[in-house]
Amino acid sequence: MKTKTKRRSDDAVLDPKKFKRLPRGAFLAKAGETEPRNTKVRISILIDADVLNFFKEKASKAGALAYQTQMNQILRSHMEGKELGATALAQDDQFIRAVAKRVKQLSSKTAKERVGLHR
């Protein structure tokens, strides 16, 4: 019995010259609009449920970007070697909770040390 196998291209990188994609709502693309940075490609990806839930929860807040956009931004910042900025961290509830927990731990530790010194 013959089975079908998917052929994999020798180069795994998408060649933008092979795509004739235009941005939505435009008849003719302007210069730069079909560059890889500006071209969205539909893919199917398996990710952990908790990761997906994390981004969907962030996206459900008023004024938040769509979860796929947030994921794309994180991937792009990693790809470009950029660190998350202070503004982004200040908006991240999980980061703020972690900092608050650490501050509380340090505060209670220093309070115990002060009590120990006064004895």
Protein backbone atom coordinates (compact mmCIF):
# COMPACT_ATOMS: atom_id res chain seq x y z
CA MET A 1 0.00 0.00 0.00
CA LYS A 2 1.36 3.37 -1.00
CA THR A 3 1.26 6.12 1.58
CA LYS A 4 1.39 9.79 0.92
CA THR A 5 4.24 11.64 2.49
CA LYS A 6 4.53 15.36 2.80
CA ARG A 7 7.43 16.82 0.95
CA ARG A 8 9.49 19.20 2.94
CA SER A 9 11.27 21.99 1.20
CA ASP A 10 15.03 22.02 1.59
CA ASP A 11 14.83 25.55 2.92
CA ALA A 12 12.38 25.86 5.80
CA VAL A 13 12.28 29.67 5.51
CA LEU A 14 9.39 31.15 3.56
CA ASP A 15 10.51 32.99 0.47
CA PRO A 16 8.52 36.25 0.25
CA LYS A 17 9.09 36.36 -3.53
CA LYS A 18 6.87 33.29 -3.91
CA PHE A 19 3.92 34.99 -2.19
CA LYS A 20 1.70 37.45 -3.99
CA ARG A 21 -0.23 38.53 -0.92
CA LEU A 22 -1.85 41.90 -0.67
CA PRO A 23 -2.95 43.60 2.52
CA ARG A 24 -6.68 43.50 3.25
CA GLY A 25 -8.72 46.20 1.58
CA ALA A 26 -6.00 47.17 -0.89
CA PHE A 27 -6.12 46.53 -4.61
CA LEU A 28 -2.41 47.15 -5.11
CA ALA A 29 0.17 46.80 -2.39
CA LYS A 30 2.35 49.78 -1.62
CA ALA A 31 6.10 49.45 -1.30
CA GLY A 32 7.05 47.50 1.80
CA GLU A 33 3.57 46.08 2.48
CA THR A 34 4.44 42.62 1.18
CA GLU A 35 7.70 42.29 3.11
CA PRO A 36 7.78 39.34 5.54
CA ARG A 37 7.45 41.68 8.52
CA ASN A 38 4.12 42.96 7.17
CA THR A 39 2.73 39.69 5.80
CA LYS A 40 0.68 37.44 8.05
CA VAL A 41 0.77 33.72 7.27
CA ARG A 42 -1.88 31.30 8.55
CA ILE A 43 -0.36 28.33 10.34
CA SER A 44 -1.51 25.55 12.62
CA ILE A 45 0.44 25.28 15.86
CA LEU A 46 0.18 23.21 19.03
CA ILE A 47 0.87 25.10 22.25
CA ASP A 48 0.23 24.34 25.89
CA ALA A 49 -3.29 25.11 27.07
CA ASP A 50 -2.04 27.24 29.95
CA VAL A 51 0.00 29.38 27.56
CA LEU A 52 -3.03 29.95 25.34
CA ASN A 53 -5.24 30.71 28.35
CA PHE A 54 -2.67 33.20 29.65
CA PHE A 55 -2.72 35.21 26.42
CA LYS A 56 -6.49 34.95 25.99
CA GLU A 57 -6.99 36.21 29.56
CA LYS A 58 -4.71 39.18 28.89
CA ALA A 59 -6.57 39.88 25.64
CA SER A 60 -9.95 39.87 27.40
CA LYS A 61 -9.08 43.02 29.36
CA ALA A 62 -10.36 46.37 28.12
CA GLY A 63 -8.05 47.99 25.60
CA ALA A 64 -5.79 44.93 25.29
CA LEU A 65 -4.45 43.69 21.99
CA ALA A 66 -5.75 40.44 20.53
CA TYR A 67 -4.02 37.37 21.96
CA GLN A 68 -2.43 36.40 18.63
CA THR A 69 -0.98 39.90 18.28
CA GLN A 70 0.46 39.68 21.79
CA MET A 71 2.01 36.30 21.03
CA ASN A 72 3.45 37.67 17.78
CA GLN A 73 4.98 40.63 19.65
CA ILE A 74 6.63 38.34 22.20
CA LEU A 75 8.00 36.08 19.46
CA ARG A 76 9.27 39.08 17.49
CA SER A 77 10.99 40.61 20.53
CA HIS A 78 12.68 37.27 21.20
CA MET A 79 13.66 36.90 17.54
CA GLU A 80 15.13 40.40 17.45
CA GLY A 81 16.90 39.89 20.77
CA LYS A 82 15.03 42.70 22.50
CA GLU A 83 14.35 42.62 26.20
CA LEU A 84 10.90 43.44 27.47
CA GLY A 85 10.77 47.11 28.38
CA ALA A 86 9.76 48.50 31.75
CA THR A 87 6.47 49.74 30.33
CA ALA A 88 5.53 46.25 29.14
CA LEU A 89 6.53 44.73 32.48
CA ALA A 90 4.52 47.34 34.39
CA GLN A 91 1.44 46.26 32.42
CA ASP A 92 2.03 42.54 33.09
CA ASP A 93 -0.13 41.43 36.04
CA GLN A 94 1.84 38.21 36.58
CA PHE A 95 5.10 40.18 36.82
CA ILE A 96 3.55 42.69 39.24
CA ARG A 97 2.25 39.87 41.48
CA ALA A 98 5.69 38.24 41.49
CA VAL A 99 7.36 41.53 42.45
CA ALA A 100 4.79 42.17 45.21
CA LYS A 101 5.37 38.67 46.62
CA ARG A 102 9.14 39.20 46.61
CA VAL A 103 8.83 42.61 48.28
CA LYS A 104 6.62 41.09 50.97
CA GLN A 105 9.17 38.32 51.58
CA LEU A 106 12.01 40.81 51.86
CA SER A 107 9.98 43.12 54.11
CA SER A 108 9.13 40.34 56.55
CA LYS A 109 12.75 39.14 56.52
CA THR A 110 14.12 42.60 57.37
CA ALA A 111 11.42 43.09 60.04
CA LYS A 112 12.46 39.82 61.70
CA GLU A 113 16.10 40.85 61.56
CA ARG A 114 15.27 44.19 63.21
CA VAL A 115 13.38 42.47 66.00
CA GLY A 116 16.33 40.13 66.52
CA LEU A 117 18.75 43.06 66.82
CA HIS A 118 16.70 44.81 69.53
CA ARG A 119 16.72 41.81 71.87
